[in-house]
């Protein structure tokens, strides 16, 4: 059963401004272990007491990011050419600072002294060649190469790189406001604020039906057969986590607090949630922070385990042992929080904007901005070794959620597109561009289809 949670994001235009400022930053911090005692740097239950956040200071350069000889003495993204430090460009790349050769239907970038080619949208390097060798000569719009080399539509039409028809509308549930939505094996769950109810609609379409009533619902999340969601009391502000074991069963209160909840999930059959809060310093600068809380084994109380400053593109993923998130300290840093020791350590750092997307048995995956594009990367969860580039897309997206299906990673952005890339790297395929149906707020995927919901409350699906 898949679980989907979307987080509130800023507008694309605002993110572009942030990214342009951050791209020129330089220097990489040294990852360091940080014990996080219970309650340190986290929001307390008592509203009169405010936590002191971790400032992330005292870090040294990361030896894994030390550049090769050609970069010695030069800032990041520059190299020694003609006796001086020059920006890396496609006209000035490699040990001899020579231009990258042109290849048909490709886009090229100079990265760490090497020409890196990626296929232009709707083109592929098929027939056993690579983009660097001969370019991308196959237009991926036929029923034999639909969206990716060798993908056959088995006699059906190829529509914009997707086998099958245009996205179809399943159902409409207006008056949803900004409620967040979740998918499981059979249903789409959501909170209808106008009805003060949790509702669901079948993924095949149809009329929505009632699950539970009695509150202002948001962040509906199926976990282990039960359903959890956030309910809000406006004045004074109180945030509850409520649950129901099945449709029609009594609603019970799981937790309550004074801070908004961004995400609900489970790890080793224990419930966790993420709270967000703000602190204003002496200079009247307000910063946003998050805290991860876990329910105790007997369900009677919660324990605060990790915290940090929230980035514009905050996201948090977990496996059975650890949490992974992006911190700003001072560069964008991917941190791993070990649940057993409650220590957080940085495993990757970049001056570019980074957002964690997913995790599997061996790797953590993320999206990283480069000029006018994004790269999908992965690294071993331990932080050992180098980061791998799995693919690149010219659609500048930020992951709201991501999931693996049949060794393909599906990445759902907030309002641009749904992308997919093979687990071990390859062509980044655009499953659907969401401007076809309008701004979208939540997603899901199963063995046959991709699903999403737009801001009007319309449910859509398209073959994956």
Protein backbone atom coordinates (compact mmCIF):
# COMPACT_ATOMS: atom_id res chain seq x y z
CA UNK A 1 0.00 0.00 0.00
CA UNK A 2 1.43 3.32 -1.03
CA UNK A 3 1.28 6.43 1.12
CA UNK A 4 1.28 9.92 -0.33
CA UNK A 5 1.66 13.24 1.44
CA UNK A 6 2.09 16.63 -0.21
CA UNK A 7 3.72 19.61 1.50
CA UNK A 8 2.87 23.27 0.99
CA UNK A 9 5.36 25.02 -1.29
CA UNK A 10 6.07 28.58 -2.40
CA UNK A 11 5.40 29.71 -5.97
CA UNK A 12 7.67 28.73 -8.85
CA UNK A 13 8.67 32.33 -9.42
CA UNK A 14 9.77 32.71 -5.81
CA UNK A 15 11.78 29.48 -5.98
CA UNK A 16 13.53 30.67 -9.12
CA UNK A 17 14.67 33.80 -7.29
CA UNK A 18 16.00 31.74 -4.38
CA UNK A 19 17.82 29.35 -6.69
CA UNK A 20 19.50 32.16 -8.68
CA UNK A 21 20.87 33.62 -5.48
CA UNK A 22 22.10 30.26 -4.20
CA UNK A 23 23.74 29.07 -7.43
CA UNK A 24 26.58 31.59 -7.01
CA UNK A 25 27.39 30.42 -3.48
CA UNK A 26 30.57 28.40 -2.89
CA UNK A 27 32.18 26.17 -0.32
CA UNK A 28 31.05 22.88 1.11
CA UNK A 29 30.69 22.10 4.84
CA UNK A 30 32.09 19.00 6.51
CA UNK A 31 29.36 16.61 7.70
CA UNK A 32 29.44 16.18 11.44
CA UNK A 33 27.71 14.07 14.05
CA UNK A 34 25.24 15.87 16.27
CA UNK A 35 23.59 14.27 19.30
CA UNK A 36 20.07 15.61 19.64
CA UNK A 37 18.80 15.18 23.19
CA UNK A 38 15.09 14.90 23.68
CA UNK A 39 13.58 18.37 23.54
CA UNK A 40 16.73 20.18 22.31
CA UNK A 41 15.98 22.59 19.48
CA UNK A 42 12.36 21.42 19.31
CA UNK A 43 9.04 23.09 19.99
CA UNK A 44 7.82 22.40 23.55
CA UNK A 45 4.26 21.76 24.56
CA UNK A 46 4.33 24.85 26.78
CA UNK A 47 3.68 27.86 24.47
CA UNK A 48 5.65 30.15 26.80
CA UNK A 49 8.88 28.21 26.24
CA UNK A 50 10.64 28.48 22.87
CA UNK A 51 13.45 26.20 21.63
CA UNK A 52 16.93 27.27 20.56
CA UNK A 53 17.59 25.89 17.06
CA UNK A 54 20.83 24.29 15.95
CA UNK A 55 22.87 26.90 14.09
CA UNK A 56 24.82 24.31 12.10
CA UNK A 57 28.10 26.19 12.67
CA UNK A 58 31.67 25.04 13.17
CA UNK A 59 31.87 22.97 10.01
CA UNK A 60 34.99 22.33 7.96
CA UNK A 61 35.33 21.78 4.19
CA UNK A 62 34.24 18.33 3.06
CA UNK A 63 37.28 16.43 1.71
CA UNK A 64 34.99 14.56 -0.69
CA UNK A 65 34.30 17.83 -2.53
CA UNK A 66 37.96 18.81 -3.04
CA UNK A 67 38.40 19.48 -6.76
CA UNK A 68 41.00 17.85 -9.03
CA UNK A 69 44.26 19.60 -9.92
CA UNK A 70 42.73 21.63 -12.73
CA UNK A 71 40.46 23.26 -10.13
CA UNK A 72 43.20 23.93 -7.54
CA UNK A 73 42.94 27.47 -6.23
CA UNK A 74 39.77 28.18 -8.21
CA UNK A 75 36.24 28.72 -6.84
CA UNK A 76 33.59 26.07 -7.44
CA UNK A 77 32.49 25.70 -11.11
CA UNK A 78 35.72 27.37 -12.31
CA UNK A 79 38.97 25.84 -13.54
CA UNK A 80 42.49 26.90 -14.49
CA UNK A 81 42.60 27.99 -18.15
CA UNK A 82 45.32 30.13 -19.71
CA UNK A 83 46.92 30.87 -16.37
CA UNK A 84 43.75 32.10 -14.68
CA UNK A 85 40.50 30.82 -13.13
CA UNK A 86 37.79 30.75 -15.77
CA UNK A 87 34.14 29.63 -15.51
CA UNK A 88 33.41 26.12 -16.73
CA UNK A 89 31.37 26.38 -19.93
CA UNK A 90 30.66 24.19 -22.93
CA UNK A 91 33.08 26.41 -24.87
CA UNK A 92 35.83 25.88 -22.29
CA UNK A 93 35.82 22.35 -20.84
CA UNK A 94 38.26 19.56 -20.00
CA UNK A 95 41.99 19.62 -19.22
CA UNK A 96 42.76 21.58 -22.41
CA UNK A 97 39.80 23.98 -21.98
CA UNK A 98 38.40 23.00 -25.38
CA UNK A 99 34.76 23.31 -26.52
CA UNK A 100 32.31 20.40 -26.21
CA UNK A 101 31.43 18.96 -29.65
CA UNK A 102 27.84 19.52 -30.78
CA UNK A 103 25.52 16.51 -30.93
CA UNK A 104 22.05 16.43 -32.58
CA UNK A 105 19.03 16.94 -30.33
CA UNK A 106 21.09 17.15 -27.15
CA UNK A 107 21.89 19.58 -24.42
CA UNK A 108 25.41 19.66 -23.09
CA UNK A 109 27.01 20.93 -19.89
CA UNK A 110 30.58 20.94 -18.62
CA UNK A 111 30.75 19.22 -15.22
CA UNK A 112 34.02 18.73 -13.36
CA UNK A 113 35.98 18.96 -16.59
CA UNK A 114 33.83 16.57 -18.66
CA UNK A 115 31.26 17.20 -21.39
CA UNK A 116 27.96 15.69 -20.23
CA UNK A 117 25.19 15.21 -22.81
CA UNK A 118 21.48 14.72 -22.20
CA UNK A 119 18.77 14.23 -24.77
CA UNK A 120 16.45 17.12 -25.57
CA UNK A 121 12.82 16.62 -24.54
CA UNK A 122 10.99 14.04 -26.72
CA UNK A 123 14.25 12.64 -28.16
CA UNK A 124 16.27 9.55 -27.23
CA UNK A 125 19.58 7.82 -27.98
CA UNK A 126 18.19 4.48 -29.12
CA UNK A 127 19.78 1.53 -30.90
CA UNK A 128 22.63 0.99 -28.44
CA UNK A 129 24.30 4.38 -28.87
CA UNK A 130 24.72 7.15 -26.32
CA UNK A 131 23.94 10.86 -26.47
CA UNK A 132 27.68 11.63 -26.24
CA UNK A 133 28.51 9.39 -29.22
CA UNK A 134 25.95 10.23 -31.90
CA UNK A 135 23.40 12.45 -30.21
CA UNK A 136 19.70 11.67 -29.80
CA UNK A 137 18.32 10.76 -33.21
CA UNK A 138 15.04 9.07 -32.26
CA UNK A 139 11.91 11.14 -31.66
CA UNK A 140 10.10 9.41 -28.81
CA UNK A 141 6.56 9.84 -30.11
CA UNK A 142 5.99 6.59 -32.03
CA UNK A 143 4.14 3.53 -30.77
CA UNK A 144 7.50 1.66 -30.80
CA UNK A 145 9.49 4.30 -28.89
CA UNK A 146 6.93 6.14 -26.78
CA UNK A 147 8.50 8.45 -24.22
CA UNK A 148 11.53 6.14 -23.88
CA UNK A 149 13.59 3.99 -26.25
CA UNK A 150 11.97 0.62 -26.90
CA UNK A 151 8.73 1.31 -25.08
CA UNK A 152 5.99 -0.25 -27.20
CA UNK A 153 2.39 0.83 -26.93
CA UNK A 154 1.27 -2.58 -28.23
CA UNK A 155 -0.91 -1.12 -30.96
CA UNK A 156 -2.31 1.83 -28.99
CA UNK A 157 -1.48 5.44 -29.74
CA UNK A 158 1.52 7.29 -28.29
CA UNK A 159 0.23 10.58 -26.89
CA UNK A 160 2.92 13.09 -25.85
CA UNK A 161 5.28 10.31 -24.81
CA UNK A 162 2.58 8.33 -22.97
CA UNK A 163 0.89 5.18 -24.27
CA UNK A 164 -2.84 5.65 -24.28
CA UNK A 165 -5.32 8.49 -24.32
CA UNK A 166 -5.16 12.01 -22.91
CA UNK A 167 -5.57 12.25 -19.10
CA UNK A 168 -9.16 11.52 -18.12
CA UNK A 169 -11.25 13.13 -15.42
CA UNK A 170 -12.41 10.68 -12.75
CA UNK A 171 -14.47 12.81 -10.39
CA UNK A 172 -14.96 16.35 -9.11
CA UNK A 173 -15.17 17.28 -5.41
CA UNK A 174 -15.24 21.08 -5.12
CA UNK A 175 -14.85 23.13 -1.93
CA UNK A 176 -11.72 21.26 -0.88
CA UNK A 177 -9.71 24.40 -0.14
CA UNK A 178 -6.04 23.53 0.29
CA UNK A 179 -6.66 20.16 1.87
CA UNK A 180 -4.01 17.54 1.11
CA UNK A 181 -4.81 14.17 -0.39
CA UNK A 182 -3.57 10.60 -0.11
CA UNK A 183 -3.82 7.39 -2.14
CA UNK A 184 -3.89 3.72 -1.19
CA UNK A 185 -4.48 0.55 -3.19
CA UNK A 186 -8.09 1.28 -4.10
CA UNK A 187 -9.11 4.80 -3.02
CA UNK A 188 -8.16 8.46 -3.00
CA UNK A 189 -8.72 10.01 0.45
CA UNK A 190 -9.17 13.72 1.09
CA UNK A 191 -10.62 16.22 3.53
CA UNK A 192 -13.71 18.13 2.43
CA UNK A 193 -13.64 21.31 4.50
CA UNK A 194 -17.09 22.44 3.41
CA UNK A 195 -18.57 19.21 4.81
CA UNK A 196 -16.10 18.94 7.74
CA UNK A 197 -15.54 15.37 6.67
CA UNK A 198 -13.00 12.85 5.46
CA UNK A 199 -14.09 11.52 2.06
CA UNK A 200 -12.86 8.94 -0.42
CA UNK A 201 -13.40 8.20 -4.10
CA UNK A 202 -12.46 5.05 -6.02
CA UNK A 203 -9.39 5.33 -8.26
CA UNK A 204 -11.58 4.15 -11.12
CA UNK A 205 -13.84 7.18 -10.63
CA UNK A 206 -17.37 7.60 -9.36
CA UNK A 207 -19.20 9.36 -6.54
CA UNK A 208 -17.20 10.26 -3.38
CA UNK A 209 -18.34 8.58 -0.16
CA UNK A 210 -18.11 9.55 3.52
CA UNK A 211 -15.41 8.08 5.80
CA UNK A 212 -15.70 10.18 8.98
CA UNK A 213 -17.13 13.51 10.16
CA UNK A 214 -16.64 16.00 12.95
CA UNK A 215 -13.73 18.36 12.25
CA UNK A 216 -11.73 20.53 9.87
CA UNK A 217 -9.68 17.81 8.18
CA UNK A 218 -6.35 17.87 6.38
CA UNK A 219 -3.36 15.60 5.61
CA UNK A 220 -5.35 12.37 5.34
CA UNK A 221 -2.92 9.41 5.51
CA UNK A 222 -3.67 5.65 5.35
CA UNK A 223 -1.24 3.62 7.52
CA UNK A 224 -1.52 -0.11 8.20
CA UNK A 225 -5.20 -0.35 7.38
CA UNK A 226 -6.16 2.62 9.58
CA UNK A 227 -6.65 6.24 8.51
CA UNK A 228 -4.94 9.21 10.20
CA UNK A 229 -5.47 12.93 9.62
CA UNK A 230 -4.97 16.35 11.10
CA UNK A 231 -7.86 18.34 12.52
CA UNK A 232 -7.57 21.99 13.55
CA UNK A 233 -9.19 24.08 16.24
CA UNK A 234 -8.98 27.75 15.26
CA UNK A 235 -9.04 29.67 18.54
CA UNK A 236 -6.96 29.01 20.49
CA UNK A 237 -4.91 27.23 17.81
CA UNK A 238 -4.73 23.51 18.58
CA UNK A 239 -3.74 20.77 16.12
CA UNK A 240 -4.95 17.20 16.56
CA UNK A 241 -4.10 13.89 14.94
CA UNK A 242 -7.22 11.77 14.71
CA UNK A 243 -7.64 8.21 13.52
CA UNK A 244 -10.27 5.71 12.50
CA UNK A 245 -9.64 1.96 12.20
CA UNK A 246 -12.08 1.50 9.30
CA UNK A 247 -14.94 3.24 7.54
CA UNK A 248 -17.72 3.82 10.07
CA UNK A 249 -15.57 3.00 13.13
CA UNK A 250 -15.35 5.46 16.05
CA UNK A 251 -12.90 8.35 15.66
CA UNK A 252 -10.17 8.55 18.30
CA UNK A 253 -7.67 11.28 19.18
CA UNK A 254 -4.03 10.18 18.77
CA UNK A 255 -2.14 13.39 19.62
CA UNK A 256 -2.53 17.14 20.06
CA UNK A 257 -0.23 20.16 20.04
CA UNK A 258 0.06 23.86 19.28
CA UNK A 259 2.03 23.59 16.01
CA UNK A 260 0.81 22.83 12.47
CA UNK A 261 1.56 19.34 11.17
CA UNK A 262 3.28 18.94 7.80
CA UNK A 263 3.45 15.18 7.42
CA UNK A 264 2.19 11.99 9.05
CA UNK A 265 3.89 8.63 8.58
CA UNK A 266 5.12 5.47 10.27
CA UNK A 267 8.49 3.88 10.97
CA UNK A 268 8.80 0.39 12.46
CA UNK A 269 5.04 0.40 13.07
CA UNK A 270 5.32 3.57 15.18
CA UNK A 271 3.50 6.73 14.21
CA UNK A 272 5.53 9.89 13.57
CA UNK A 273 4.61 13.40 12.49
CA UNK A 274 6.40 16.60 11.55
CA UNK A 275 5.55 19.88 13.23
CA UNK A 276 6.51 23.30 11.86
CA UNK A 277 7.09 26.47 13.85
CA UNK A 278 8.70 29.90 13.53
CA UNK A 279 11.26 31.80 15.59
CA UNK A 280 12.12 35.49 15.35
CA UNK A 281 15.65 36.58 16.29
CA UNK A 282 16.87 39.89 17.78
CA UNK A 283 17.10 41.39 14.26
CA UNK A 284 13.41 40.60 13.75
CA UNK A 285 14.21 37.97 11.13
CA UNK A 286 11.72 35.12 11.19
CA UNK A 287 12.95 31.61 10.34
CA UNK A 288 11.01 28.37 9.95
CA UNK A 289 11.93 25.14 11.73
CA UNK A 290 10.63 21.60 11.86
CA UNK A 291 10.51 18.92 14.53
CA UNK A 292 9.96 15.17 14.16
CA UNK A 293 7.91 13.60 16.92
CA UNK A 294 7.27 9.89 17.44
CA UNK A 295 4.54 8.20 19.39
CA UNK A 296 5.66 5.96 22.22
CA UNK A 297 5.15 2.22 21.99
CA UNK A 298 2.07 2.25 24.23
CA UNK A 299 0.63 5.29 22.41
CA UNK A 300 0.28 7.38 25.57
CA UNK A 301 2.86 10.07 24.77
CA UNK A 302 5.19 11.39 22.07
CA UNK A 303 8.98 11.81 21.94
CA UNK A 304 10.81 14.53 20.02
CA UNK A 305 13.70 13.05 18.05
CA UNK A 306 15.05 15.48 15.40
CA UNK A 307 14.77 19.13 14.37
CA UNK A 308 16.29 21.64 11.96
CA UNK A 309 15.72 24.78 9.94
CA UNK A 310 13.32 24.33 7.04
CA UNK A 311 14.44 25.13 3.51
CA UNK A 312 12.13 26.50 0.83
CA UNK A 313 11.92 23.00 -0.65
CA UNK A 314 11.67 21.06 2.62
CA UNK A 315 10.94 17.36 2.31
CA UNK A 316 11.56 14.40 4.63
CA UNK A 317 11.71 10.68 3.78
CA UNK A 318 12.45 7.62 5.90
CA UNK A 319 13.30 3.94 5.88
CA UNK A 320 13.07 1.59 8.87
CA UNK A 321 16.24 2.96 10.49
CA UNK A 322 16.64 6.64 9.61
CA UNK A 323 15.10 9.92 8.50
CA UNK A 324 16.57 11.98 5.65
CA UNK A 325 15.98 15.68 5.04
CA UNK A 326 17.61 18.81 3.60
CA UNK A 327 19.10 21.37 5.96
CA UNK A 328 20.61 24.81 5.31
CA UNK A 329 23.91 24.96 7.21
CA UNK A 330 25.16 27.14 5.43
CA UNK A 331 24.93 25.27 2.10
CA UNK A 332 22.16 22.87 1.25
CA UNK A 333 22.98 19.67 3.11
CA UNK A 334 21.30 16.27 3.11
CA UNK A 335 21.23 14.93 6.66
CA UNK A 336 20.58 11.44 7.97
CA UNK A 337 19.03 11.09 11.40
CA UNK A 338 19.62 7.67 12.95
CA UNK A 339 16.59 6.61 14.95
CA UNK A 340 18.51 4.31 17.33
CA UNK A 341 21.13 6.88 18.39
CA UNK A 342 19.11 10.06 17.71
CA UNK A 343 22.16 11.54 16.03
CA UNK A 344 22.07 13.50 12.78
CA UNK A 345 24.98 13.56 10.33
CA UNK A 346 25.40 15.36 7.01
CA UNK A 347 26.05 13.01 4.09
CA UNK A 348 26.02 15.43 1.12
CA UNK A 349 26.45 19.18 0.67
CA UNK A 350 25.96 21.55 -2.25
CA UNK A 351 25.74 25.32 -2.79
CA UNK A 352 22.87 24.58 -5.17
CA UNK A 353 19.28 24.08 -4.07
CA UNK A 354 18.64 20.45 -3.08
CA UNK A 355 15.47 18.59 -2.10
CA UNK A 356 15.31 14.98 -0.88
CA UNK A 357 12.89 12.81 -2.88
CA UNK A 358 13.08 9.11 -1.90
CA UNK A 359 15.05 6.35 -0.21
CA UNK A 360 15.48 2.63 -0.91
CA UNK A 361 17.53 -0.21 0.63
CA UNK A 362 20.89 1.30 -0.37
CA UNK A 363 20.49 4.88 -1.55
CA UNK A 364 18.91 8.23 -0.85
CA UNK A 365 17.65 10.10 -3.93
CA UNK A 366 17.25 13.83 -4.45
CA UNK A 367 16.64 16.59 -7.01
CA UNK A 368 19.28 19.30 -7.39
CA UNK A 369 19.05 22.50 -9.37
CA UNK A 370 21.64 23.31 -12.00
CA UNK A 371 21.36 26.35 -14.29
CA UNK A 372 18.09 26.08 -16.28
CA UNK A 373 17.61 22.39 -15.43
CA UNK A 374 17.55 19.84 -12.62
CA UNK A 375 19.56 16.71 -11.96
CA UNK A 376 18.23 13.61 -10.25
CA UNK A 377 20.96 12.17 -8.04
CA UNK A 378 21.55 9.43 -5.51
CA UNK A 379 24.16 8.51 -2.91
CA UNK A 380 24.66 5.65 -0.49
CA UNK A 381 22.71 6.23 2.70
CA UNK A 382 25.91 5.93 4.72
CA UNK A 383 27.40 8.91 2.88
CA UNK A 384 30.25 6.80 1.52
CA UNK A 385 31.39 7.25 -2.05
CA UNK A 386 30.42 9.90 -4.58
CA UNK A 387 27.01 11.14 -5.63
CA UNK A 388 25.71 9.65 -8.90
CA UNK A 389 23.78 11.62 -11.52
CA UNK A 390 20.87 9.44 -12.68
CA UNK A 391 19.45 11.86 -15.22
CA UNK A 392 18.64 15.44 -16.08
CA UNK A 393 15.46 17.30 -17.02
CA UNK A 394 14.91 20.75 -18.45
CA UNK A 395 11.67 20.96 -16.51
CA UNK A 396 12.70 22.79 -13.34
CA UNK A 397 10.65 20.88 -10.75
CA UNK A 398 10.70 20.26 -7.02
CA UNK A 399 9.58 16.96 -5.58
CA UNK A 400 6.45 16.93 -3.48
CA UNK A 401 6.65 13.17 -3.17
CA UNK A 402 8.28 10.23 -4.96
CA UNK A 403 7.92 6.45 -5.11
CA UNK A 404 9.46 3.43 -6.82
CA UNK A 405 7.35 1.21 -9.08
CA UNK A 406 9.03 -1.63 -11.01
CA UNK A 407 12.51 -0.11 -10.56
CA UNK A 408 11.40 3.26 -11.88
CA UNK A 409 11.45 6.33 -9.64
CA UNK A 410 8.36 8.52 -10.10
CA UNK A 411 8.83 12.11 -8.96
CA UNK A 412 5.79 14.32 -8.43
CA UNK A 413 6.38 18.07 -8.50
CA UNK A 414 4.08 20.69 -7.08
CA UNK A 415 2.70 22.16 -10.31
CA UNK A 416 4.92 21.35 -13.27
CA UNK A 417 5.09 17.66 -14.18
CA UNK A 418 5.38 14.02 -13.20
CA UNK A 419 8.81 12.62 -14.13
CA UNK A 420 10.25 9.13 -14.02
CA UNK A 421 13.81 7.79 -14.26
CA UNK A 422 15.16 4.22 -13.96
CA UNK A 423 16.45 3.36 -10.49
CA UNK A 424 20.02 2.97 -11.77
CA UNK A 425 19.88 5.97 -14.09
CA UNK A 426 18.96 6.66 -17.70
CA UNK A 427 16.49 8.70 -19.70
CA UNK A 428 14.29 11.04 -17.63
CA UNK A 429 10.80 10.71 -19.05
CA UNK A 430 7.96 13.19 -18.61
CA UNK A 431 4.85 11.16 -17.81
CA UNK A 432 2.55 14.17 -17.95
CA UNK A 433 2.93 17.93 -17.93
CA UNK A 434 0.34 19.23 -15.51
CA UNK A 435 -0.46 22.36 -17.48
CA UNK A 436 -2.77 20.01 -19.38
CA UNK A 437 -5.12 19.91 -16.39
CA UNK A 438 -4.17 22.91 -14.27
CA UNK A 439 -2.22 23.37 -11.04
CA UNK A 440 -2.09 20.10 -9.12
CA UNK A 441 -1.74 19.41 -5.43
CA UNK A 442 -1.44 15.67 -4.82
CA UNK A 443 -0.36 12.50 -6.62
CA UNK A 444 -0.21 8.74 -6.60
CA UNK A 445 0.87 5.86 -8.84
CA UNK A 446 0.07 2.15 -9.07
CA UNK A 447 0.98 -0.63 -11.50
CA UNK A 448 -1.04 0.86 -14.34
CA UNK A 449 -1.75 4.57 -13.82
CA UNK A 450 -0.57 7.88 -12.43
CA UNK A 451 -3.19 9.86 -10.47
CA UNK A 452 -3.37 13.49 -9.43
CA UNK A 453 -5.81 16.06 -8.12
CA UNK A 454 -5.94 19.66 -9.28
CA UNK A 455 -6.73 22.72 -7.19
CA UNK A 456 -10.39 22.65 -8.29
CA UNK A 457 -10.84 19.24 -6.66
CA UNK A 458 -10.83 17.29 -9.95
CA UNK A 459 -9.32 13.79 -9.87
CA UNK A 460 -7.32 12.72 -12.96
CA UNK A 461 -5.45 9.67 -14.17
CA UNK A 462 -3.25 8.68 -17.13
CA UNK A 463 -1.41 5.47 -18.02
CA UNK A 464 2.04 5.42 -16.50
